[in-house]
Amino acid sequence: MVTAPFFLKHSDLLRLVLIESIKSTSNSSNLLVFQESIRGLLEEAIVQNTLRILHDLNDCASVLAAIFYQTLISSSANTNEDEIIAELQRKIDIAWEGIADE
């Protein structure tokens, strides 16, 4: 089984795997499966009244999945897992809270 520490040691391989996953045109691509998983979590939170959203559920899941993949691709040269997680958290916070200061 390939694990996160393996990819952190072989960042060039992680970048290649992620890019190929994104380029996949199959409806069952890893990106779409991951996006659907996020959508399910968001939907569950809405049903439980722990989340209210202003935008389309599919669009929200797509944005969060895109942030995840973009962060992994851009940070794959960084072998510090804690820094990658912190960067991902900062980006998700921006999306979650919104960019505009209103």
PDB file of N, CA and C in Angstrom:
ATOM      1  N   MET A   1       0.843  -1.179   0.000  1.00  0.00           N
ATOM      2  CA  MET A   1       0.000   0.000   0.000  1.00  0.00           C
ATOM      3  C   MET A   1       0.888   1.243   0.000  1.00  0.00           C
ATOM      4  N   VAL A   2       0.547   2.198  -0.839  1.00  0.00           N
ATOM      5  CA  VAL A   2       1.279   3.459  -0.913  1.00  0.00           C
ATOM      6  C   VAL A   2       0.662   4.414   0.104  1.00  0.00           C
ATOM      7  N   THR A   3       1.504   4.995   0.951  1.00  0.00           N
ATOM      8  CA  THR A   3       1.014   5.861   2.013  1.00  0.00           C
ATOM      9  C   THR A   3       1.530   7.285   1.859  1.00  0.00           C
ATOM     10  N   ALA A   4       0.990   8.197   2.669  1.00  0.00           N
ATOM     11  CA  ALA A   4       1.409   9.601   2.623  1.00  0.00           C
ATOM     12  C   ALA A   4       2.913   9.754   2.831  1.00  0.00           C
ATOM     13  N   PRO A   5       3.539   9.062   3.807  1.00  0.00           N
ATOM     14  CA  PRO A   5       4.989   9.223   3.959  1.00  0.00           C
ATOM     15  C   PRO A   5       5.763   8.822   2.702  1.00  0.00           C
ATOM     16  N   PHE A   6       5.271   7.813   1.977  1.00  0.00           N
ATOM     17  CA  PHE A   6       5.922   7.422   0.724  1.00  0.00           C
ATOM     18  C   PHE A   6       5.903   8.586  -0.258  1.00  0.00           C
ATOM     19  N   PHE A   7       4.715   9.198  -0.444  1.00  0.00           N
ATOM     20  CA  PHE A   7       4.595  10.303  -1.384  1.00  0.00           C
ATOM     21  C   PHE A   7       5.387  11.519  -0.926  1.00  0.00           C
ATOM     22  N   LEU A   8       5.470  11.732   0.390  1.00  0.00           N
ATOM     23  CA  LEU A   8       6.248  12.861   0.880  1.00  0.00           C
ATOM     24  C   LEU A   8       7.735  12.677   0.573  1.00  0.00           C
ATOM     25  N   LYS A   9       8.194  11.447   0.558  1.00  0.00           N
ATOM     26  CA  LYS A   9       9.586  11.171   0.210  1.00  0.00           C
ATOM     27  C   LYS A   9       9.812  11.225  -1.296  1.00  0.00           C
ATOM     28  N   HIS A  10       8.747  11.005  -2.075  1.00  0.00           N
ATOM     29  CA  HIS A  10       8.831  10.969  -3.540  1.00  0.00           C
ATOM     30  C   HIS A  10       7.855  11.993  -4.117  1.00  0.00           C
ATOM     31  N   SER A  11       8.116  13.265  -3.843  1.00  0.00           N
ATOM     32  CA  SER A  11       7.181  14.325  -4.217  1.00  0.00           C
ATOM     33  C   SER A  11       6.963  14.402  -5.725  1.00  0.00           C
ATOM     34  N   ASP A  12       7.973  14.043  -6.513  1.00  0.00           N
ATOM     35  CA  ASP A  12       7.809  14.066  -7.969  1.00  0.00           C
ATOM     36  C   ASP A  12       6.759  13.041  -8.409  1.00  0.00           C
ATOM     37  N   LEU A  13       6.708  11.915  -7.737  1.00  0.00           N
ATOM     38  CA  LEU A  13       5.709  10.894  -8.044  1.00  0.00           C
ATOM     39  C   LEU A  13       4.314  11.354  -7.617  1.00  0.00           C
ATOM     40  N   LEU A  14       4.231  12.006  -6.467  1.00  0.00           N
ATOM     41  CA  LEU A  14       2.945  12.544  -6.015  1.00  0.00           C
ATOM     42  C   LEU A  14       2.400  13.538  -7.033  1.00  0.00           C
ATOM     43  N   ARG A  15       3.228  14.438  -7.496  1.00  0.00           N
ATOM     44  CA  ARG A  15       2.796  15.439  -8.479  1.00  0.00           C
ATOM     45  C   ARG A  15       2.265  14.749  -9.737  1.00  0.00           C
ATOM     46  N   LEU A  16       2.981  13.733 -10.210  1.00  0.00           N
ATOM     47  CA  LEU A  16       2.567  13.005 -11.413  1.00  0.00           C
ATOM     48  C   LEU A  16       1.222  12.298 -11.194  1.00  0.00           C
ATOM     49  N   VAL A  17       1.057  11.637 -10.060  1.00  0.00           N
ATOM     50  CA  VAL A  17      -0.192  10.934  -9.755  1.00  0.00           C
ATOM     51  C   VAL A  17      -1.355  11.920  -9.714  1.00  0.00           C
ATOM     52  N   LEU A  18      -1.149  13.053  -9.072  1.00  0.00           N
ATOM     53  CA  LEU A  18      -2.214  14.051  -8.974  1.00  0.00           C
ATOM     54  C   LEU A  18      -2.576  14.635 -10.332  1.00  0.00           C
ATOM     55  N   ILE A  19      -1.581  14.956 -11.120  1.00  0.00           N
ATOM     56  CA  ILE A  19      -1.842  15.518 -12.445  1.00  0.00           C
ATOM     57  C   ILE A  19      -2.579  14.508 -13.314  1.00  0.00           C
ATOM     58  N   GLU A  20      -2.177  13.251 -13.277  1.00  0.00           N
ATOM     59  CA  GLU A  20      -2.860  12.231 -14.061  1.00  0.00           C
ATOM     60  C   GLU A  20      -4.290  12.015 -13.573  1.00  0.00           C
ATOM     61  N   SER A  21      -4.510  12.102 -12.269  1.00  0.00           N
ATOM     62  CA  SER A  21      -5.867  11.988 -11.732  1.00  0.00           C
ATOM     63  C   SER A  21      -6.748  13.108 -12.251  1.00  0.00           C
ATOM     64  N   ILE A  22      -6.210  14.297 -12.302  1.00  0.00           N
ATOM     65  CA  ILE A  22      -6.970  15.456 -12.774  1.00  0.00           C
ATOM     66  C   ILE A  22      -7.236  15.350 -14.268  1.00  0.00           C
ATOM     67  N   LYS A  23      -6.271  14.850 -15.021  1.00  0.00           N
ATOM     68  CA  LYS A  23      -6.421  14.746 -16.479  1.00  0.00           C
ATOM     69  C   LYS A  23      -7.398  13.639 -16.891  1.00  0.00           C
ATOM     70  N   SER A  24      -7.699  12.729 -15.985  1.00  0.00           N
ATOM     71  CA  SER A  24      -8.583  11.618 -16.314  1.00  0.00           C
ATOM     72  C   SER A  24      -9.943  12.135 -16.762  1.00  0.00           C
ATOM     73  N   THR A  25     -10.445  11.599 -17.870  1.00  0.00           N
ATOM     74  CA  THR A  25     -11.746  12.026 -18.379  1.00  0.00           C
ATOM     75  C   THR A  25     -12.856  11.057 -17.971  1.00  0.00           C
ATOM     76  N   SER A  26     -12.517  10.030 -17.255  1.00  0.00           N
ATOM     77  CA  SER A  26     -13.491   9.043 -16.814  1.00  0.00           C
ATOM     78  C   SER A  26     -14.401   9.640 -15.740  1.00  0.00           C
ATOM     79  N   ASN A  27     -15.674   9.278 -15.789  1.00  0.00           N
ATOM     80  CA  ASN A  27     -16.613   9.749 -14.772  1.00  0.00           C
ATOM     81  C   ASN A  27     -16.283   9.193 -13.394  1.00  0.00           C
ATOM     82  N   SER A  28     -15.497   8.154 -13.322  1.00  0.00           N
ATOM     83  CA  SER A  28     -15.144   7.569 -12.035  1.00  0.00           C
ATOM     84  C   SER A  28     -13.730   7.972 -11.615  1.00  0.00           C
ATOM     85  N   SER A  29     -13.247   9.083 -12.157  1.00  0.00           N
ATOM     86  CA  SER A  29     -11.896   9.517 -11.812  1.00  0.00           C
ATOM     87  C   SER A  29     -11.803   9.791 -10.315  1.00  0.00           C
ATOM     88  N   ASN A  30     -10.603   9.724  -9.804  1.00  0.00           N
ATOM     89  CA  ASN A  30     -10.378   9.974  -8.382  1.00  0.00           C
ATOM     90  C   ASN A  30     -10.896  11.346  -7.966  1.00  0.00           C
ATOM     91  N   LEU A  31     -10.726  12.319  -8.833  1.00  0.00           N
ATOM     92  CA  LEU A  31     -11.177  13.673  -8.519  1.00  0.00           C
ATOM     93  C   LEU A  31     -12.682  13.718  -8.313  1.00  0.00           C
ATOM     94  N   LEU A  32     -13.425  13.072  -9.202  1.00  0.00           N
ATOM     95  CA  LEU A  32     -14.882  13.075  -9.075  1.00  0.00           C
ATOM     96  C   LEU A  32     -15.362  12.267  -7.875  1.00  0.00           C
ATOM     97  N   VAL A  33     -14.691  11.172  -7.592  1.00  0.00           N
ATOM     98  CA  VAL A  33     -15.045  10.363  -6.429  1.00  0.00           C
ATOM     99  C   VAL A  33     -14.804  11.171  -5.154  1.00  0.00           C
ATOM    100  N   PHE A  34     -13.675  11.850  -5.098  1.00  0.00           N
ATOM    101  CA  PHE A  34     -13.345  12.679  -3.938  1.00  0.00           C
ATOM    102  C   PHE A  34     -14.350  13.825  -3.799  1.00  0.00           C
ATOM    103  N   GLN A  35     -14.667  14.462  -4.902  1.00  0.00           N
ATOM    104  CA  GLN A  35     -15.630  15.569  -4.910  1.00  0.00           C
ATOM    105  C   GLN A  35     -17.005  15.092  -4.424  1.00  0.00           C
ATOM    106  N   GLU A  36     -17.428  13.933  -4.864  1.00  0.00           N
ATOM    107  CA  GLU A  36     -18.717  13.378  -4.427  1.00  0.00           C
ATOM    108  C   GLU A  36     -18.695  13.069  -2.935  1.00  0.00           C
ATOM    109  N   SER A  37     -17.560  12.630  -2.428  1.00  0.00           N
ATOM    110  CA  SER A  37     -17.434  12.367  -0.991  1.00  0.00           C
ATOM    111  C   SER A  37     -17.597  13.656  -0.195  1.00  0.00           C
ATOM    112  N   ILE A  38     -16.968  14.716  -0.667  1.00  0.00           N
ATOM    113  CA  ILE A  38     -17.107  16.017  -0.006  1.00  0.00           C
ATOM    114  C   ILE A  38     -18.559  16.479  -0.064  1.00  0.00           C
ATOM    115  N   ARG A  39     -19.183  16.304  -1.222  1.00  0.00           N
ATOM    116  CA  ARG A  39     -20.583  16.696  -1.378  1.00  0.00           C
ATOM    117  C   ARG A  39     -21.457  15.958  -0.362  1.00  0.00           C
ATOM    118  N   GLY A  40     -21.196  14.673  -0.188  1.00  0.00           N
ATOM    119  CA  GLY A  40     -21.951  13.880   0.775  1.00  0.00           C
ATOM    120  C   GLY A  40     -21.785  14.388   2.200  1.00  0.00           C
ATOM    121  N   LEU A  41     -20.565  14.767   2.560  1.00  0.00           N
ATOM    122  CA  LEU A  41     -20.315  15.308   3.897  1.00  0.00           C
ATOM    123  C   LEU A  41     -21.031  16.637   4.095  1.00  0.00           C
ATOM    124  N   LEU A  42     -21.004  17.489   3.070  1.00  0.00           N
ATOM    125  CA  LEU A  42     -21.698  18.771   3.153  1.00  0.00           C
ATOM    126  C   LEU A  42     -23.205  18.559   3.281  1.00  0.00           C
ATOM    127  N   GLU A  43     -23.726  17.641   2.486  1.00  0.00           N
ATOM    128  CA  GLU A  43     -25.157  17.347   2.510  1.00  0.00           C
ATOM    129  C   GLU A  43     -25.586  16.813   3.878  1.00  0.00           C
ATOM    130  N   GLU A  44     -24.766  15.961   4.438  1.00  0.00           N
ATOM    131  CA  GLU A  44     -25.053  15.412   5.767  1.00  0.00           C
ATOM    132  C   GLU A  44     -25.083  16.526   6.811  1.00  0.00           C
ATOM    133  N   ALA A  45     -24.151  17.454   6.729  1.00  0.00           N
ATOM    134  CA  ALA A  45     -24.115  18.574   7.672  1.00  0.00           C
ATOM    135  C   ALA A  45     -25.338  19.474   7.509  1.00  0.00           C
ATOM    136  N   ILE A  46     -25.794  19.632   6.283  1.00  0.00           N
ATOM    137  CA  ILE A  46     -26.995  20.440   6.033  1.00  0.00           C
ATOM    138  C   ILE A  46     -28.214  19.772   6.657  1.00  0.00           C
ATOM    139  N   VAL A  47     -28.351  18.466   6.467  1.00  0.00           N
ATOM    140  CA  VAL A  47     -29.481  17.716   7.023  1.00  0.00           C
ATOM    141  C   VAL A  47     -29.474  17.785   8.549  1.00  0.00           C
ATOM    142  N   GLN A  48     -28.290  17.777   9.143  1.00  0.00           N
ATOM    143  CA  GLN A  48     -28.156  17.827  10.602  1.00  0.00           C
ATOM    144  C   GLN A  48     -28.234  19.253  11.141  1.00  0.00           C
ATOM    145  N   ASN A  49     -28.484  20.203  10.250  1.00  0.00           N
ATOM    146  CA  ASN A  49     -28.569  21.617  10.622  1.00  0.00           C
ATOM    147  C   ASN A  49     -27.293  22.167  11.255  1.00  0.00           C
ATOM    148  N   THR A  50     -26.141  21.627  10.857  1.00  0.00           N
ATOM    149  CA  THR A  50     -24.870  22.157  11.341  1.00  0.00           C
ATOM    150  C   THR A  50     -24.170  22.988  10.271  1.00  0.00           C
ATOM    151  N   LEU A  51     -24.805  23.099   9.104  1.00  0.00           N
ATOM    152  CA  LEU A  51     -24.229  23.869   8.010  1.00  0.00           C
ATOM    153  C   LEU A  51     -25.338  24.478   7.174  1.00  0.00           C
ATOM    154  N   ARG A  52     -25.166  25.734   6.849  1.00  0.00           N
ATOM    155  CA  ARG A  52     -26.035  26.416   5.886  1.00  0.00           C
ATOM    156  C   ARG A  52     -25.119  26.934   4.787  1.00  0.00           C
ATOM    157  N   ILE A  53     -25.532  26.790   3.551  1.00  0.00           N
ATOM    158  CA  ILE A  53     -24.703  27.263   2.451  1.00  0.00           C
ATOM    159  C   ILE A  53     -25.482  28.258   1.603  1.00  0.00           C
ATOM    160  N   LEU A  54     -24.731  29.132   0.951  1.00  0.00           N
ATOM    161  CA  LEU A  54     -25.323  30.147   0.090  1.00  0.00           C
ATOM    162  C   LEU A  54     -25.293  29.737  -1.371  1.00  0.00           C
ATOM    163  N   HIS A  55     -24.493  28.737  -1.702  1.00  0.00           N
ATOM    164  CA  HIS A  55     -24.243  28.386  -3.090  1.00  0.00           C
ATOM    165  C   HIS A  55     -24.655  26.948  -3.369  1.00  0.00           C
ATOM    166  N   ASP A  56     -24.626  26.591  -4.624  1.00  0.00           N
ATOM    167  CA  ASP A  56     -24.951  25.244  -5.065  1.00  0.00           C
ATOM    168  C   ASP A  56     -24.034  24.226  -4.388  1.00  0.00           C
ATOM    169  N   LEU A  57     -24.616  23.153  -3.905  1.00  0.00           N
ATOM    170  CA  LEU A  57     -23.874  22.118  -3.188  1.00  0.00           C
ATOM    171  C   LEU A  57     -22.758  21.515  -4.041  1.00  0.00           C
ATOM    172  N   ASN A  58     -23.038  21.251  -5.306  1.00  0.00           N
ATOM    173  CA  ASN A  58     -22.012  20.696  -6.196  1.00  0.00           C
ATOM    174  C   ASN A  58     -20.869  21.672  -6.396  1.00  0.00           C
ATOM    175  N   ASP A  59     -21.188  22.954  -6.529  1.00  0.00           N
ATOM    176  CA  ASP A  59     -20.140  23.963  -6.692  1.00  0.00           C
ATOM    177  C   ASP A  59     -19.271  24.045  -5.442  1.00  0.00           C
ATOM    178  N   CYS A  60     -19.889  23.979  -4.281  1.00  0.00           N
ATOM    179  CA  CYS A  60     -19.131  24.022  -3.023  1.00  0.00           C
ATOM    180  C   CYS A  60     -18.174  22.827  -2.927  1.00  0.00           C
ATOM    181  N   ALA A  61     -18.669  21.650  -3.238  1.00  0.00           N
ATOM    182  CA  ALA A  61     -17.824  20.452  -3.191  1.00  0.00           C
ATOM    183  C   ALA A  61     -16.694  20.553  -4.205  1.00  0.00           C
ATOM    184  N   SER A  62     -16.991  21.088  -5.369  1.00  0.00           N
ATOM    185  CA  SER A  62     -15.979  21.248  -6.408  1.00  0.00           C
ATOM    186  C   SER A  62     -14.869  22.197  -5.975  1.00  0.00           C
ATOM    187  N   VAL A  63     -15.241  23.303  -5.356  1.00  0.00           N
ATOM    188  CA  VAL A  63     -14.246  24.273  -4.890  1.00  0.00           C
ATOM    189  C   VAL A  63     -13.350  23.657  -3.817  1.00  0.00           C
ATOM    190  N   LEU A  64     -13.936  22.957  -2.865  1.00  0.00           N
ATOM    191  CA  LEU A  64     -13.138  22.341  -1.804  1.00  0.00           C
ATOM    192  C   LEU A  64     -12.210  21.259  -2.356  1.00  0.00           C
ATOM    193  N   ALA A  65     -12.697  20.459  -3.301  1.00  0.00           N
ATOM    194  CA  ALA A  65     -11.843  19.435  -3.918  1.00  0.00           C
ATOM    195  C   ALA A  65     -10.705  20.086  -4.699  1.00  0.00           C
ATOM    196  N   ALA A  66     -11.019  21.167  -5.410  1.00  0.00           N
ATOM    197  CA  ALA A  66      -9.988  21.863  -6.187  1.00  0.00           C
ATOM    198  C   ALA A  66      -8.911  22.439  -5.276  1.00  0.00           C
ATOM    199  N   ILE A  67      -9.308  22.988  -4.155  1.00  0.00           N
ATOM    200  CA  ILE A  67      -8.334  23.518  -3.189  1.00  0.00           C
ATOM    201  C   ILE A  67      -7.420  22.401  -2.702  1.00  0.00           C
ATOM    202  N   PHE A  68      -8.006  21.258  -2.401  1.00  0.00           N
ATOM    203  CA  PHE A  68      -7.221  20.123  -1.925  1.00  0.00           C
ATOM    204  C   PHE A  68      -6.184  19.693  -2.963  1.00  0.00           C
ATOM    205  N   TYR A  69      -6.636  19.458  -4.184  1.00  0.00           N
ATOM    206  CA  TYR A  69      -5.725  18.999  -5.233  1.00  0.00           C
ATOM    207  C   TYR A  69      -4.673  20.051  -5.564  1.00  0.00           C
ATOM    208  N   GLN A  70      -5.069  21.313  -5.664  1.00  0.00           N
ATOM    209  CA  GLN A  70      -4.115  22.376  -5.999  1.00  0.00           C
ATOM    210  C   GLN A  70      -3.058  22.493  -4.911  1.00  0.00           C
ATOM    211  N   THR A  71      -3.460  22.385  -3.667  1.00  0.00           N
ATOM    212  CA  THR A  71      -2.504  22.482  -2.566  1.00  0.00           C
ATOM    213  C   THR A  71      -1.517  21.327  -2.605  1.00  0.00           C
ATOM    214  N   LEU A  72      -2.012  20.128  -2.854  1.00  0.00           N
ATOM    215  CA  LEU A  72      -1.094  18.984  -2.926  1.00  0.00           C
ATOM    216  C   LEU A  72      -0.118  19.123  -4.087  1.00  0.00           C
ATOM    217  N   ILE A  73      -0.609  19.582  -5.230  1.00  0.00           N
ATOM    218  CA  ILE A  73       0.279  19.730  -6.387  1.00  0.00           C
ATOM    219  C   ILE A  73       1.320  20.817  -6.133  1.00  0.00           C
ATOM    220  N   SER A  74       0.888  21.959  -5.644  1.00  0.00           N
ATOM    221  CA  SER A  74       1.831  23.066  -5.459  1.00  0.00           C
ATOM    222  C   SER A  74       2.764  22.832  -4.283  1.00  0.00           C
ATOM    223  N   SER A  75       2.351  22.017  -3.322  1.00  0.00           N
ATOM    224  CA  SER A  75       3.173  21.781  -2.138  1.00  0.00           C
ATOM    225  C   SER A  75       3.926  20.463  -2.182  1.00  0.00           C
ATOM    226  N   SER A  76       3.796  19.734  -3.263  1.00  0.00           N
ATOM    227  CA  SER A  76       4.387  18.399  -3.284  1.00  0.00           C
ATOM    228  C   SER A  76       5.910  18.424  -3.204  1.00  0.00           C
ATOM    229  N   ALA A  77       6.525  19.548  -3.515  1.00  0.00           N
ATOM    230  CA  ALA A  77       7.977  19.650  -3.369  1.00  0.00           C
ATOM    231  C   ALA A  77       8.351  19.832  -1.902  1.00  0.00           C
ATOM    232  N   ASN A  78       7.396  20.270  -1.109  1.00  0.00           N
ATOM    233  CA  ASN A  78       7.610  20.457   0.324  1.00  0.00           C
ATOM    234  C   ASN A  78       7.380  19.115   1.007  1.00  0.00           C
ATOM    235  N   THR A  79       8.381  18.608   1.671  1.00  0.00           N
ATOM    236  CA  THR A  79       8.255  17.280   2.266  1.00  0.00           C
ATOM    237  C   THR A  79       7.796  17.324   3.717  1.00  0.00           C
ATOM    238  N   ASN A  80       7.429  18.484   4.214  1.00  0.00           N
ATOM    239  CA  ASN A  80       6.970  18.604   5.586  1.00  0.00           C
ATOM    240  C   ASN A  80       5.453  18.491   5.614  1.00  0.00           C
ATOM    241  N   GLU A  81       4.968  17.376   6.113  1.00  0.00           N
ATOM    242  CA  GLU A  81       3.521  17.107   6.120  1.00  0.00           C
ATOM    243  C   GLU A  81       2.755  18.158   6.915  1.00  0.00           C
ATOM    244  N   ASP A  82       3.311  18.609   8.039  1.00  0.00           N
ATOM    245  CA  ASP A  82       2.634  19.613   8.859  1.00  0.00           C
ATOM    246  C   ASP A  82       2.442  20.923   8.098  1.00  0.00           C
ATOM    247  N   GLU A  83       3.431  21.317   7.316  1.00  0.00           N
ATOM    248  CA  GLU A  83       3.320  22.546   6.527  1.00  0.00           C
ATOM    249  C   GLU A  83       2.268  22.409   5.436  1.00  0.00           C
ATOM    250  N   ILE A  84       2.201  21.244   4.804  1.00  0.00           N
ATOM    251  CA  ILE A  84       1.188  21.004   3.768  1.00  0.00           C
ATOM    252  C   ILE A  84      -0.204  21.069   4.391  1.00  0.00           C
ATOM    253  N   ILE A  85      -0.381  20.453   5.537  1.00  0.00           N
ATOM    254  CA  ILE A  85      -1.682  20.471   6.212  1.00  0.00           C
ATOM    255  C   ILE A  85      -2.050  21.886   6.629  1.00  0.00           C
ATOM    256  N   ALA A  86      -1.083  22.648   7.140  1.00  0.00           N
ATOM    257  CA  ALA A  86      -1.348  24.036   7.543  1.00  0.00           C
ATOM    258  C   ALA A  86      -1.738  24.883   6.337  1.00  0.00           C
ATOM    259  N   GLU A  87      -1.059  24.694   5.211  1.00  0.00           N
ATOM    260  CA  GLU A  87      -1.390  25.438   3.998  1.00  0.00           C
ATOM    261  C   GLU A  87      -2.793  25.089   3.517  1.00  0.00           C
ATOM    262  N   LEU A  88      -3.123  23.812   3.541  1.00  0.00           N
ATOM    263  CA  LEU A  88      -4.459  23.376   3.139  1.00  0.00           C
ATOM    264  C   LEU A  88      -5.520  23.995   4.052  1.00  0.00           C
ATOM    265  N   GLN A  89      -5.260  24.012   5.341  1.00  0.00           N
ATOM    266  CA  GLN A  89      -6.213  24.597   6.290  1.00  0.00           C
ATOM    267  C   GLN A  89      -6.414  26.087   6.020  1.00  0.00           C
ATOM    268  N   ARG A  90      -5.330  26.816   5.756  1.00  0.00           N
ATOM    269  CA  ARG A  90      -5.446  28.258   5.456  1.00  0.00           C
ATOM    270  C   ARG A  90      -6.305  28.489   4.216  1.00  0.00           C
ATOM    271  N   LYS A  91      -6.083  27.694   3.186  1.00  0.00           N
ATOM    272  CA  LYS A  91      -6.834  27.870   1.932  1.00  0.00           C
ATOM    273  C   LYS A  91      -8.305  27.508   2.105  1.00  0.00           C
ATOM    274  N   ILE A  92      -8.580  26.451   2.850  1.00  0.00           N
ATOM    275  CA  ILE A  92      -9.973  26.079   3.095  1.00  0.00           C
ATOM    276  C   ILE A  92     -10.657  27.153   3.937  1.00  0.00           C
ATOM    277  N   ASP A  93      -9.934  27.717   4.910  1.00  0.00           N
ATOM    278  CA  ASP A  93     -10.502  28.805   5.712  1.00  0.00           C
ATOM    279  C   ASP A  93     -10.885  29.990   4.834  1.00  0.00           C
ATOM    280  N   ILE A  94     -10.046  30.321   3.868  1.00  0.00           N
ATOM    281  CA  ILE A  94     -10.351  31.429   2.959  1.00  0.00           C
ATOM    282  C   ILE A  94     -11.629  31.132   2.184  1.00  0.00           C
ATOM    283  N   ALA A  95     -11.730  29.933   1.658  1.00  0.00           N
ATOM    284  CA  ALA A  95     -12.934  29.568   0.905  1.00  0.00           C
ATOM    285  C   ALA A  95     -14.147  29.530   1.814  1.00  0.00           C
ATOM    286  N   TRP A  96     -13.990  28.980   2.996  1.00  0.00           N
ATOM    287  CA  TRP A  96     -15.104  28.804   3.921  1.00  0.00           C
ATOM    288  C   TRP A  96     -15.621  30.152   4.424  1.00  0.00           C
ATOM    289  N   GLU A  97     -14.706  31.052   4.754  1.00  0.00           N
ATOM    290  CA  GLU A  97     -15.093  32.352   5.321  1.00  0.00           C
ATOM    291  C   GLU A  97     -15.384  33.380   4.244  1.00  0.00           C
ATOM    292  N   GLY A  98     -14.884  33.151   3.064  1.00  0.00           N
ATOM    293  CA  GLY A  98     -15.083  34.089   1.970  1.00  0.00           C
ATOM    294  C   GLY A  98     -13.900  35.030   1.828  1.00  0.00           C
ATOM    295  N   ILE A  99     -13.692  35.503   0.636  1.00  0.00           N
ATOM    296  CA  ILE A  99     -12.577  36.380   0.355  1.00  0.00           C
ATOM    297  C   ILE A  99     -12.934  37.834   0.670  1.00  0.00           C
ATOM    298  N   ALA A 100     -14.155  38.202   0.365  1.00  0.00           N
ATOM    299  CA  ALA A 100     -14.590  39.599   0.536  1.00  0.00           C
ATOM    300  C   ALA A 100     -14.763  39.926   2.026  1.00  0.00           C
ATOM    301  N   ASP A 101     -14.421  41.150   2.385  1.00  0.00           N
ATOM    302  CA  ASP A 101     -14.604  41.631   3.736  1.00  0.00           C
ATOM    303  C   ASP A 101     -15.853  42.502   3.765  1.00  0.00           C
ATOM    304  N   GLU A 102     -16.984  41.863   3.993  1.00  0.00           N
ATOM    305  CA  GLU A 102     -18.268  42.590   3.958  1.00  0.00           C
ATOM    306  C   GLU A 102     -18.889  42.667   5.319  1.00  0.00           C
TER     307      GLU A 102
END
